[in-house]
C-alpha atoms as a PDB file:
ATOM      1  CA  UNK A   1      38.821 153.200 177.392  1.00  0.00           C
ATOM      2  CA  UNK A   2      40.568 154.302 180.574  1.00  0.00           C
ATOM      3  CA  UNK A   3      38.257 151.982 182.533  1.00  0.00           C
ATOM      4  CA  UNK A   4      39.521 150.696 185.862  1.00  0.00           C
ATOM      5  CA  UNK A   5      39.048 147.038 186.665  1.00  0.00           C
ATOM      6  CA  UNK A   6      39.387 145.095 189.911  1.00  0.00           C
ATOM      7  CA  UNK A   7      40.928 141.634 189.864  1.00  0.00           C
ATOM      8  CA  UNK A   8      41.264 140.136 193.335  1.00  0.00           C
ATOM      9  CA  UNK A   9      43.745 142.323 195.180  1.00  0.00           C
ATOM     10  CA  UNK A  10      44.771 144.232 192.074  1.00  0.00           C
ATOM     11  CA  UNK A  11      43.472 147.128 190.018  1.00  0.00           C
ATOM     12  CA  UNK A  12      44.240 147.766 186.350  1.00  0.00           C
ATOM     13  CA  UNK A  13      43.557 150.774 184.156  1.00  0.00           C
ATOM     14  CA  UNK A  14      43.035 150.559 180.417  1.00  0.00           C
ATOM     15  CA  UNK A  15      44.841 152.802 177.971  1.00  0.00           C
ATOM     16  CA  UNK A  16      43.385 156.265 177.638  1.00  0.00           C
ATOM     17  CA  UNK A  17      43.301 156.898 173.896  1.00  0.00           C
ATOM     18  CA  UNK A  18      41.480 155.001 171.192  1.00  0.00           C
ATOM     19  CA  UNK A  19      44.672 154.614 169.132  1.00  0.00           C
ATOM     20  CA  UNK A  20      46.614 153.070 172.040  1.00  0.00           C
ATOM     21  CA  UNK A  21      43.700 150.863 172.985  1.00  0.00           C
ATOM     22  CA  UNK A  22      43.200 149.441 169.486  1.00  0.00           C
ATOM     23  CA  UNK A  23      46.926 149.167 168.857  1.00  0.00           C
ATOM     24  CA  UNK A  24      47.315 146.952 171.917  1.00  0.00           C
ATOM     25  CA  UNK A  25      44.386 144.792 170.815  1.00  0.00           C
ATOM     26  CA  UNK A  26      45.811 144.535 167.292  1.00  0.00           C
ATOM     27  CA  UNK A  27      49.103 143.354 168.838  1.00  0.00           C
ATOM     28  CA  UNK A  28      47.145 140.755 170.848  1.00  0.00           C
ATOM     29  CA  UNK A  29      47.985 142.514 174.142  1.00  0.00           C
ATOM     30  CA  UNK A  30      45.635 143.581 176.846  1.00  0.00           C
ATOM     31  CA  UNK A  31      45.038 147.343 176.539  1.00  0.00           C
ATOM     32  CA  UNK A  32      46.265 147.963 180.102  1.00  0.00           C
ATOM     33  CA  UNK A  33      48.414 151.000 180.827  1.00  0.00           C
ATOM     34  CA  UNK A  34      49.060 150.411 184.530  1.00  0.00           C
ATOM     35  CA  UNK A  35      48.191 148.285 187.497  1.00  0.00           C
ATOM     36  CA  UNK A  36      48.612 148.115 191.231  1.00  0.00           C
ATOM     37  CA  UNK A  37      48.631 145.251 193.710  1.00  0.00           C
ATOM     38  CA  UNK A  38      47.073 145.997 197.076  1.00  0.00           C
ATOM     39  CA  UNK A  39      48.719 145.123 200.376  1.00  0.00           C
ATOM     40  CA  UNK A  40      46.734 143.872 203.392  1.00  0.00           C
ATOM     41  CA  UNK A  41      46.162 147.421 204.668  1.00  0.00           C
ATOM     42  CA  UNK A  42      44.826 148.506 201.261  1.00  0.00           C
ATOM     43  CA  UNK A  43      42.427 145.539 201.182  1.00  0.00           C
ATOM     44  CA  UNK A  44      41.143 146.353 204.677  1.00  0.00           C
ATOM     45  CA  UNK A  45      40.654 150.009 203.812  1.00  0.00           C
ATOM     46  CA  UNK A  46      38.960 149.121 200.521  1.00  0.00           C
ATOM     47  CA  UNK A  47      36.479 146.979 202.454  1.00  0.00           C
ATOM     48  CA  UNK A  48      35.753 149.765 204.959  1.00  0.00           C
ATOM     49  CA  UNK A  49      35.354 152.392 202.229  1.00  0.00           C
ATOM     50  CA  UNK A  50      33.143 150.127 200.116  1.00  0.00           C
ATOM     51  CA  UNK A  51      30.866 149.407 203.070  1.00  0.00           C
ATOM     52  CA  UNK A  52      30.532 153.100 203.841  1.00  0.00           C
ATOM     53  CA  UNK A  53      29.856 154.078 200.236  1.00  0.00           C
ATOM     54  CA  UNK A  54      27.364 151.273 199.587  1.00  0.00           C
ATOM     55  CA  UNK A  55      25.729 150.598 202.955  1.00  0.00           C
ATOM     56  CA  UNK A  56      26.221 153.960 204.716  1.00  0.00           C
ATOM     57  CA  UNK A  57      27.203 152.094 207.875  1.00  0.00           C
ATOM     58  CA  UNK A  58      29.990 150.080 209.369  1.00  0.00           C
ATOM     59  CA  UNK A  59      29.980 147.433 212.083  1.00  0.00           C
ATOM     60  CA  UNK A  60      33.410 147.344 213.708  1.00  0.00           C
ATOM     61  CA  UNK A  61      33.021 143.702 214.746  1.00  0.00           C
ATOM     62  CA  UNK A  62      32.491 142.463 211.205  1.00  0.00           C
ATOM     63  CA  UNK A  63      35.615 144.302 210.020  1.00  0.00           C
ATOM     64  CA  UNK A  64      37.576 142.927 212.976  1.00  0.00           C
ATOM     65  CA  UNK A  65      36.435 139.374 212.227  1.00  0.00           C
ATOM     66  CA  UNK A  66      37.152 139.587 208.499  1.00  0.00           C
ATOM     67  CA  UNK A  67      40.549 141.296 208.748  1.00  0.00           C
ATOM     68  CA  UNK A  68      41.857 140.078 212.114  1.00  0.00           C
ATOM     69  CA  UNK A  69      42.327 143.453 213.791  1.00  0.00           C
ATOM     70  CA  UNK A  70      40.943 145.618 216.578  1.00  0.00           C
ATOM     71  CA  UNK A  71      39.070 148.344 214.738  1.00  0.00           C
ATOM     72  CA  UNK A  72      39.305 151.076 217.372  1.00  0.00           C
ATOM     73  CA  UNK A  73      43.073 150.596 217.665  1.00  0.00           C
ATOM     74  CA  UNK A  74      43.786 150.086 213.960  1.00  0.00           C
ATOM     75  CA  UNK A  75      41.731 153.090 212.905  1.00  0.00           C
ATOM     76  CA  UNK A  76      42.342 155.353 215.922  1.00  0.00           C
ATOM     77  CA  UNK A  77      43.598 158.204 213.719  1.00  0.00           C
ATOM     78  CA  UNK A  78      40.579 157.898 211.429  1.00  0.00           C
ATOM     79  CA  UNK A  79      38.091 157.778 214.303  1.00  0.00           C
ATOM     80  CA  UNK A  80      39.614 160.972 215.679  1.00  0.00           C
ATOM     81  CA  UNK A  81      39.314 162.570 212.232  1.00  0.00           C
ATOM     82  CA  UNK A  82      35.609 161.630 212.139  1.00  0.00           C
ATOM     83  CA  UNK A  83      34.832 163.678 215.260  1.00  0.00           C
ATOM     84  CA  UNK A  84      34.273 166.964 213.377  1.00  0.00           C
ATOM     85  CA  UNK A  85      32.020 165.141 210.893  1.00  0.00           C
ATOM     86  CA  UNK A  86      30.045 163.733 213.814  1.00  0.00           C
ATOM     87  CA  UNK A  87      29.790 167.221 215.329  1.00  0.00           C
ATOM     88  CA  UNK A  88      28.422 168.446 211.987  1.00  0.00           C
ATOM     89  CA  UNK A  89      25.806 165.681 211.995  1.00  0.00           C
ATOM     90  CA  UNK A  90      27.230 163.786 209.018  1.00  0.00           C
ATOM     91  CA  UNK A  91      28.021 160.576 210.914  1.00  0.00           C
ATOM     92  CA  UNK A  92      26.811 158.934 214.093  1.00  0.00           C
ATOM     93  CA  UNK A  93      29.547 157.181 216.075  1.00  0.00           C
ATOM     94  CA  UNK A  94      28.989 154.427 218.616  1.00  0.00           C
ATOM     95  CA  UNK A  95      31.282 151.976 220.415  1.00  0.00           C
ATOM     96  CA  UNK A  96      30.283 149.233 217.955  1.00  0.00           C
ATOM     97  CA  UNK A  97      30.206 151.105 214.660  1.00  0.00           C
ATOM     98  CA  UNK A  98      29.328 154.162 212.701  1.00  0.00           C
ATOM     99  CA  UNK A  99      26.532 155.248 210.429  1.00  0.00           C
ATOM    100  CA  UNK A 100      26.344 157.964 207.826  1.00  0.00           C
ATOM    101  CA  UNK A 101      23.323 160.072 208.712  1.00  0.00           C
ATOM    102  CA  UNK A 102      20.674 161.086 206.201  1.00  0.00           C
ATOM    103  CA  UNK A 103      22.290 164.540 206.261  1.00  0.00           C
ATOM    104  CA  UNK A 104      25.663 163.004 205.444  1.00  0.00           C
ATOM    105  CA  UNK A 105      24.634 160.677 202.624  1.00  0.00           C
ATOM    106  CA  UNK A 106      25.224 163.225 199.875  1.00  0.00           C
ATOM    107  CA  UNK A 107      28.674 163.807 201.376  1.00  0.00           C
ATOM    108  CA  UNK A 108      29.529 160.144 201.983  1.00  0.00           C
ATOM    109  CA  UNK A 109      32.676 160.554 199.899  1.00  0.00           C
ATOM    110  CA  UNK A 110      34.038 162.936 202.541  1.00  0.00           C
ATOM    111  CA  UNK A 111      33.380 160.313 205.218  1.00  0.00           C
ATOM    112  CA  UNK A 112      35.010 157.557 203.163  1.00  0.00           C
ATOM    113  CA  UNK A 113      38.038 159.736 202.374  1.00  0.00           C
ATOM    114  CA  UNK A 114      38.951 159.684 206.065  1.00  0.00           C
ATOM    115  CA  UNK A 115      39.896 156.000 205.643  1.00  0.00           C
ATOM    116  CA  UNK A 116      41.978 156.498 202.470  1.00  0.00           C
ATOM    117  CA  UNK A 117      45.602 156.292 203.600  1.00  0.00           C
ATOM    118  CA  UNK A 118      46.977 157.125 200.151  1.00  0.00           C
ATOM    119  CA  UNK A 119      44.850 160.249 199.941  1.00  0.00           C
ATOM    120  CA  UNK A 120      46.004 161.340 203.398  1.00  0.00           C
ATOM    121  CA  UNK A 121      49.653 160.835 202.414  1.00  0.00           C
ATOM    122  CA  UNK A 122      49.135 162.765 199.169  1.00  0.00           C
ATOM    123  CA  UNK A 123      47.460 165.587 201.093  1.00  0.00           C
ATOM    124  CA  UNK A 124      50.399 165.795 203.463  1.00  0.00           C
ATOM    125  CA  UNK A 125      52.822 166.194 200.578  1.00  0.00           C
ATOM    126  CA  UNK A 126      50.569 168.505 198.517  1.00  0.00           C
ATOM    127  CA  UNK A 127      49.195 170.573 201.362  1.00  0.00           C
ATOM    128  CA  UNK A 128      45.570 170.569 200.167  1.00  0.00           C
ATOM    129  CA  UNK A 129      42.849 168.360 198.728  1.00  0.00           C
ATOM    130  CA  UNK A 130      39.769 168.776 196.577  1.00  0.00           C
ATOM    131  CA  UNK A 131      36.452 167.077 197.155  1.00  0.00           C
ATOM    132  CA  UNK A 132      34.648 168.570 194.175  1.00  0.00           C
END
């Protein structure tokens, strides 16, 4: 229950309670409580975040080729936000990409969060964010 699934450019979340879940199945409905369709920006950011979380590195050229953009221009705000993380030794930045350092691997979520536009917008309206 409450599992999140990825279907192409969409995400769905199952119902949260056992009663709702089984009721939907009994009614021959998928036990989905909500879904979201990603736009092109979301898909690009998902790719960047996935690469960081799984590979701990990012080659700008491969992102540019796959998504048809100029990485340094498209993600200028994010690259600026990575500067303090680089100063702390969590990431290594180069003109062609970035790598999460061994020191930063346990905190890779913080690095990836820099690229999450929705999180940034929520932070701006809430005024704070929690990592843990």
